[in-house]
Amino acid sequence: MESGPAIFAGMVFCLFGAGLLAWTVTRVRQHRPVAHGVSPVASATVAGVVATLSLALGAWCFTRL
């Protein structure tokens, strides 16, 4: 992968993952729903998994430099 697109993609994935993880942790600590109309446990689990995968994908992009 070229370094320019790898840096851009890595930053996008890492920022999205970090933002989603911060949002999920904040909502769970406040005992508020992460998504409306869905089970609180299921929505927090799915959001946490997606955030972790996004952070991992961003880290993988940075290793391709």
PDB file of N, CA and C in Angstrom:
ATOM      1  N   MET A   1       0.837  -1.162   0.000  1.00  0.00           N
ATOM      2  CA  MET A   1       0.000   0.000   0.000  1.00  0.00           C
ATOM      3  C   MET A   1       0.886   1.230   0.000  1.00  0.00           C
ATOM      4  N   GLU A   2       0.498   2.250  -0.726  1.00  0.00           N
ATOM      5  CA  GLU A   2       1.275   3.480  -0.707  1.00  0.00           C
ATOM      6  C   GLU A   2       1.118   4.157   0.651  1.00  0.00           C
ATOM      7  N   SER A   3       2.099   4.953   1.023  1.00  0.00           N
ATOM      8  CA  SER A   3       2.077   5.504   2.377  1.00  0.00           C
ATOM      9  C   SER A   3       0.971   6.542   2.583  1.00  0.00           C
ATOM     10  N   GLY A   4       0.654   7.356   1.583  1.00  0.00           N
ATOM     11  CA  GLY A   4      -0.392   8.373   1.735  1.00  0.00           C
ATOM     12  C   GLY A   4      -1.755   7.772   2.024  1.00  0.00           C
ATOM     13  N   PRO A   5      -2.250   6.865   1.167  1.00  0.00           N
ATOM     14  CA  PRO A   5      -3.547   6.253   1.449  1.00  0.00           C
ATOM     15  C   PRO A   5      -3.555   5.399   2.712  1.00  0.00           C
ATOM     16  N   ALA A   6      -2.436   4.770   3.049  1.00  0.00           N
ATOM     17  CA  ALA A   6      -2.377   3.956   4.262  1.00  0.00           C
ATOM     18  C   ALA A   6      -2.509   4.838   5.500  1.00  0.00           C
ATOM     19  N   ILE A   7      -1.862   5.985   5.492  1.00  0.00           N
ATOM     20  CA  ILE A   7      -1.957   6.902   6.625  1.00  0.00           C
ATOM     21  C   ILE A   7      -3.377   7.441   6.750  1.00  0.00           C
ATOM     22  N   PHE A   8      -3.982   7.829   5.629  1.00  0.00           N
ATOM     23  CA  PHE A   8      -5.342   8.353   5.661  1.00  0.00           C
ATOM     24  C   PHE A   8      -6.332   7.302   6.164  1.00  0.00           C
ATOM     25  N   ALA A   9      -6.260   6.106   5.600  1.00  0.00           N
ATOM     26  CA  ALA A   9      -7.187   5.041   6.005  1.00  0.00           C
ATOM     27  C   ALA A   9      -6.971   4.665   7.470  1.00  0.00           C
ATOM     28  N   GLY A  10      -5.718   4.575   7.881  1.00  0.00           N
ATOM     29  CA  GLY A  10      -5.428   4.246   9.272  1.00  0.00           C
ATOM     30  C   GLY A  10      -5.980   5.287  10.234  1.00  0.00           C
ATOM     31  N   MET A  11      -5.823   6.558   9.896  1.00  0.00           N
ATOM     32  CA  MET A  11      -6.350   7.621  10.746  1.00  0.00           C
ATOM     33  C   MET A  11      -7.872   7.592  10.805  1.00  0.00           C
ATOM     34  N   VAL A  12      -8.521   7.367   9.657  1.00  0.00           N
ATOM     35  CA  VAL A  12      -9.984   7.324   9.633  1.00  0.00           C
ATOM     36  C   VAL A  12     -10.494   6.179  10.499  1.00  0.00           C
ATOM     37  N   PHE A  13      -9.930   4.989  10.325  1.00  0.00           N
ATOM     38  CA  PHE A  13     -10.371   3.848  11.123  1.00  0.00           C
ATOM     39  C   PHE A  13     -10.098   4.057  12.607  1.00  0.00           C
ATOM     40  N   CYS A  14      -8.933   4.581  12.944  1.00  0.00           N
ATOM     41  CA  CYS A  14      -8.601   4.789  14.360  1.00  0.00           C
ATOM     42  C   CYS A  14      -9.476   5.865  15.006  1.00  0.00           C
ATOM     43  N   LEU A  15      -9.730   6.954  14.293  1.00  0.00           N
ATOM     44  CA  LEU A  15     -10.588   7.997  14.849  1.00  0.00           C
ATOM     45  C   LEU A  15     -12.021   7.506  15.028  1.00  0.00           C
ATOM     46  N   PHE A  16     -12.530   6.774  14.042  1.00  0.00           N
ATOM     47  CA  PHE A  16     -13.879   6.232  14.162  1.00  0.00           C
ATOM     48  C   PHE A  16     -13.965   5.244  15.323  1.00  0.00           C
ATOM     49  N   GLY A  17     -13.004   4.341  15.407  1.00  0.00           N
ATOM     50  CA  GLY A  17     -13.011   3.346  16.480  1.00  0.00           C
ATOM     51  C   GLY A  17     -12.898   3.982  17.853  1.00  0.00           C
ATOM     52  N   ALA A  18     -12.017   4.963  17.984  1.00  0.00           N
ATOM     53  CA  ALA A  18     -11.847   5.626  19.274  1.00  0.00           C
ATOM     54  C   ALA A  18     -13.104   6.408  19.656  1.00  0.00           C
ATOM     55  N   GLY A  19     -13.701   7.087  18.694  1.00  0.00           N
ATOM     56  CA  GLY A  19     -14.930   7.835  18.966  1.00  0.00           C
ATOM     57  C   GLY A  19     -16.078   6.923  19.357  1.00  0.00           C
ATOM     58  N   LEU A  20     -16.231   5.827  18.628  1.00  0.00           N
ATOM     59  CA  LEU A  20     -17.306   4.881  18.933  1.00  0.00           C
ATOM     60  C   LEU A  20     -17.085   4.217  20.284  1.00  0.00           C
ATOM     61  N   LEU A  21     -15.850   3.886  20.585  1.00  0.00           N
ATOM     62  CA  LEU A  21     -15.548   3.272  21.880  1.00  0.00           C
ATOM     63  C   LEU A  21     -15.805   4.255  23.025  1.00  0.00           C
ATOM     64  N   ALA A  22     -15.416   5.505  22.843  1.00  0.00           N
ATOM     65  CA  ALA A  22     -15.671   6.519  23.879  1.00  0.00           C
ATOM     66  C   ALA A  22     -17.168   6.730  24.067  1.00  0.00           C
ATOM     67  N   TRP A  23     -17.910   6.790  22.971  1.00  0.00           N
ATOM     68  CA  TRP A  23     -19.367   6.955  23.031  1.00  0.00           C
ATOM     69  C   TRP A  23     -20.006   5.778  23.783  1.00  0.00           C
ATOM     70  N   THR A  24     -19.603   4.575  23.445  1.00  0.00           N
ATOM     71  CA  THR A  24     -20.178   3.377  24.055  1.00  0.00           C
ATOM     72  C   THR A  24     -19.876   3.332  25.546  1.00  0.00           C
ATOM     73  N   VAL A  25     -18.640   3.589  25.924  1.00  0.00           N
ATOM     74  CA  VAL A  25     -18.257   3.557  27.343  1.00  0.00           C
ATOM     75  C   VAL A  25     -19.004   4.629  28.127  1.00  0.00           C
ATOM     76  N   THR A  26     -19.132   5.820  27.550  1.00  0.00           N
ATOM     77  CA  THR A  26     -19.844   6.902  28.227  1.00  0.00           C
ATOM     78  C   THR A  26     -21.307   6.548  28.436  1.00  0.00           C
ATOM     79  N   ARG A  27     -21.955   6.013  27.408  1.00  0.00           N
ATOM     80  CA  ARG A  27     -23.373   5.661  27.518  1.00  0.00           C
ATOM     81  C   ARG A  27     -23.596   4.521  28.519  1.00  0.00           C
ATOM     82  N   VAL A  28     -22.706   3.542  28.519  1.00  0.00           N
ATOM     83  CA  VAL A  28     -22.861   2.415  29.435  1.00  0.00           C
ATOM     84  C   VAL A  28     -22.646   2.868  30.877  1.00  0.00           C
ATOM     85  N   ARG A  29     -21.664   3.726  31.109  1.00  0.00           N
ATOM     86  CA  ARG A  29     -21.410   4.214  32.474  1.00  0.00           C
ATOM     87  C   ARG A  29     -22.565   5.045  33.007  1.00  0.00           C
ATOM     88  N   GLN A  30     -23.272   5.748  32.114  1.00  0.00           N
ATOM     89  CA  GLN A  30     -24.410   6.565  32.529  1.00  0.00           C
ATOM     90  C   GLN A  30     -25.708   5.762  32.580  1.00  0.00           C
ATOM     91  N   HIS A  31     -25.637   4.475  32.302  1.00  0.00           N
ATOM     92  CA  HIS A  31     -26.813   3.593  32.268  1.00  0.00           C
ATOM     93  C   HIS A  31     -27.856   4.097  31.280  1.00  0.00           C
ATOM     94  N   ARG A  32     -27.391   4.589  30.131  1.00  0.00           N
ATOM     95  CA  ARG A  32     -28.272   5.054  29.068  1.00  0.00           C
ATOM     96  C   ARG A  32     -28.111   4.120  27.878  1.00  0.00           C
ATOM     97  N   PRO A  33     -29.116   4.020  27.031  1.00  0.00           N
ATOM     98  CA  PRO A  33     -29.020   3.087  25.898  1.00  0.00           C
ATOM     99  C   PRO A  33     -28.003   3.561  24.859  1.00  0.00           C
ATOM    100  N   VAL A  34     -27.303   2.611  24.271  1.00  0.00           N
ATOM    101  CA  VAL A  34     -26.358   2.921  23.200  1.00  0.00           C
ATOM    102  C   VAL A  34     -27.128   3.117  21.894  1.00  0.00           C
ATOM    103  N   ALA A  35     -28.178   2.309  21.689  1.00  0.00           N
ATOM    104  CA  ALA A  35     -29.055   2.428  20.528  1.00  0.00           C
ATOM    105  C   ALA A  35     -30.494   2.250  20.999  1.00  0.00           C
ATOM    106  N   HIS A  36     -31.389   3.059  20.488  1.00  0.00           N
ATOM    107  CA  HIS A  36     -32.789   2.986  20.906  1.00  0.00           C
ATOM    108  C   HIS A  36     -33.491   1.821  20.229  1.00  0.00           C
ATOM    109  N   GLY A  37     -34.345   1.147  20.974  1.00  0.00           N
ATOM    110  CA  GLY A  37     -35.139   0.061  20.432  1.00  0.00           C
ATOM    111  C   GLY A  37     -34.422  -1.273  20.376  1.00  0.00           C
ATOM    112  N   VAL A  38     -33.240  -1.353  20.961  1.00  0.00           N
ATOM    113  CA  VAL A  38     -32.454  -2.584  20.945  1.00  0.00           C
ATOM    114  C   VAL A  38     -32.082  -2.920  22.389  1.00  0.00           C
ATOM    115  N   SER A  39     -31.839  -4.179  22.645  1.00  0.00           N
ATOM    116  CA  SER A  39     -31.407  -4.594  23.977  1.00  0.00           C
ATOM    117  C   SER A  39     -30.130  -3.838  24.365  1.00  0.00           C
ATOM    118  N   PRO A  40     -30.080  -3.292  25.575  1.00  0.00           N
ATOM    119  CA  PRO A  40     -28.887  -2.538  25.989  1.00  0.00           C
ATOM    120  C   PRO A  40     -27.607  -3.364  25.955  1.00  0.00           C
ATOM    121  N   VAL A  41     -27.703  -4.625  26.342  1.00  0.00           N
ATOM    122  CA  VAL A  41     -26.511  -5.475  26.346  1.00  0.00           C
ATOM    123  C   VAL A  41     -26.066  -5.759  24.916  1.00  0.00           C
ATOM    124  N   ALA A  42     -27.014  -6.067  24.042  1.00  0.00           N
ATOM    125  CA  ALA A  42     -26.665  -6.375  22.647  1.00  0.00           C
ATOM    126  C   ALA A  42     -26.079  -5.163  21.936  1.00  0.00           C
ATOM    127  N   SER A  43     -26.676  -3.987  22.139  1.00  0.00           N
ATOM    128  CA  SER A  43     -26.174  -2.797  21.451  1.00  0.00           C
ATOM    129  C   SER A  43     -24.788  -2.408  21.952  1.00  0.00           C
ATOM    130  N   ALA A  44     -24.547  -2.523  23.246  1.00  0.00           N
ATOM    131  CA  ALA A  44     -23.222  -2.199  23.784  1.00  0.00           C
ATOM    132  C   ALA A  44     -22.183  -3.210  23.301  1.00  0.00           C
ATOM    133  N   THR A  45     -22.574  -4.469  23.212  1.00  0.00           N
ATOM    134  CA  THR A  45     -21.648  -5.506  22.745  1.00  0.00           C
ATOM    135  C   THR A  45     -21.285  -5.289  21.280  1.00  0.00           C
ATOM    136  N   VAL A  46     -22.279  -5.064  20.454  1.00  0.00           N
ATOM    137  CA  VAL A  46     -22.016  -4.869  19.020  1.00  0.00           C
ATOM    138  C   VAL A  46     -21.189  -3.606  18.795  1.00  0.00           C
ATOM    139  N   ALA A  47     -21.529  -2.528  19.481  1.00  0.00           N
ATOM    140  CA  ALA A  47     -20.759  -1.289  19.329  1.00  0.00           C
ATOM    141  C   ALA A  47     -19.319  -1.474  19.801  1.00  0.00           C
ATOM    142  N   GLY A  48     -19.120  -2.200  20.890  1.00  0.00           N
ATOM    143  CA  GLY A  48     -17.764  -2.449  21.379  1.00  0.00           C
ATOM    144  C   GLY A  48     -16.951  -3.303  20.422  1.00  0.00           C
ATOM    145  N   VAL A  49     -17.586  -4.307  19.835  1.00  0.00           N
ATOM    146  CA  VAL A  49     -16.887  -5.170  18.871  1.00  0.00           C
ATOM    147  C   VAL A  49     -16.530  -4.386  17.622  1.00  0.00           C
ATOM    148  N   VAL A  50     -17.452  -3.585  17.114  1.00  0.00           N
ATOM    149  CA  VAL A  50     -17.179  -2.789  15.914  1.00  0.00           C
ATOM    150  C   VAL A  50     -16.067  -1.777  16.185  1.00  0.00           C
ATOM    151  N   ALA A  51     -16.080  -1.158  17.358  1.00  0.00           N
ATOM    152  CA  ALA A  51     -15.031  -0.192  17.698  1.00  0.00           C
ATOM    153  C   ALA A  51     -13.667  -0.875  17.788  1.00  0.00           C
ATOM    154  N   THR A  52     -13.624  -2.035  18.403  1.00  0.00           N
ATOM    155  CA  THR A  52     -12.363  -2.772  18.520  1.00  0.00           C
ATOM    156  C   THR A  52     -11.850  -3.215  17.155  1.00  0.00           C
ATOM    157  N   LEU A  53     -12.740  -3.706  16.313  1.00  0.00           N
ATOM    158  CA  LEU A  53     -12.330  -4.100  14.962  1.00  0.00           C
ATOM    159  C   LEU A  53     -11.830  -2.905  14.156  1.00  0.00           C
ATOM    160  N   SER A  54     -12.480  -1.781  14.312  1.00  0.00           N
ATOM    161  CA  SER A  54     -12.049  -0.582  13.602  1.00  0.00           C
ATOM    162  C   SER A  54     -10.664  -0.133  14.065  1.00  0.00           C
ATOM    163  N   LEU A  55     -10.413  -0.178  15.360  1.00  0.00           N
ATOM    164  CA  LEU A  55      -9.082   0.171  15.873  1.00  0.00           C
ATOM    165  C   LEU A  55      -8.021  -0.808  15.381  1.00  0.00           C
ATOM    166  N   ALA A  56      -8.369  -2.084  15.341  1.00  0.00           N
ATOM    167  CA  ALA A  56      -7.425  -3.091  14.853  1.00  0.00           C
ATOM    168  C   ALA A  56      -7.136  -2.898  13.372  1.00  0.00           C
ATOM    169  N   LEU A  57      -8.154  -2.579  12.603  1.00  0.00           N
ATOM    170  CA  LEU A  57      -7.955  -2.337  11.173  1.00  0.00           C
ATOM    171  C   LEU A  57      -7.107  -1.094  10.938  1.00  0.00           C
ATOM    172  N   GLY A  58      -7.306  -0.073  11.752  1.00  0.00           N
ATOM    173  CA  GLY A  58      -6.464   1.121  11.654  1.00  0.00           C
ATOM    174  C   GLY A  58      -5.013   0.816  11.983  1.00  0.00           C
ATOM    175  N   ALA A  59      -4.790   0.008  13.010  1.00  0.00           N
ATOM    176  CA  ALA A  59      -3.424  -0.386  13.363  1.00  0.00           C
ATOM    177  C   ALA A  59      -2.799  -1.211  12.249  1.00  0.00           C
ATOM    178  N   TRP A  60      -3.587  -2.080  11.623  1.00  0.00           N
ATOM    179  CA  TRP A  60      -3.075  -2.883  10.506  1.00  0.00           C
ATOM    180  C   TRP A  60      -2.668  -1.968   9.338  1.00  0.00           C
ATOM    181  N   CYS A  61      -3.462  -0.942   9.073  1.00  0.00           N
ATOM    182  CA  CYS A  61      -3.104   0.000   7.998  1.00  0.00           C
ATOM    183  C   CYS A  61      -1.781   0.693   8.292  1.00  0.00           C
ATOM    184  N   PHE A  62      -1.553   1.024   9.557  1.00  0.00           N
ATOM    185  CA  PHE A  62      -0.284   1.675   9.917  1.00  0.00           C
ATOM    186  C   PHE A  62       0.905   0.738   9.809  1.00  0.00           C
ATOM    187  N   THR A  63       0.695  -0.564   9.948  1.00  0.00           N
ATOM    188  CA  THR A  63       1.810  -1.491   9.795  1.00  0.00           C
ATOM    189  C   THR A  63       2.181  -1.677   8.318  1.00  0.00           C
ATOM    190  N   ARG A  64       1.349  -1.236   7.402  1.00  0.00           N
ATOM    191  CA  ARG A  64       1.605  -1.367   5.969  1.00  0.00           C
ATOM    192  C   ARG A  64       2.406  -0.218   5.389  1.00  0.00           C
ATOM    193  N   LEU A  65       2.898   0.667   6.227  1.00  0.00           N
ATOM    194  CA  LEU A  65       3.667   1.819   5.725  1.00  0.00           C
ATOM    195  C   LEU A  65       5.000   1.421   5.220  1.00  0.00           C
TER     196      LEU A  65
END
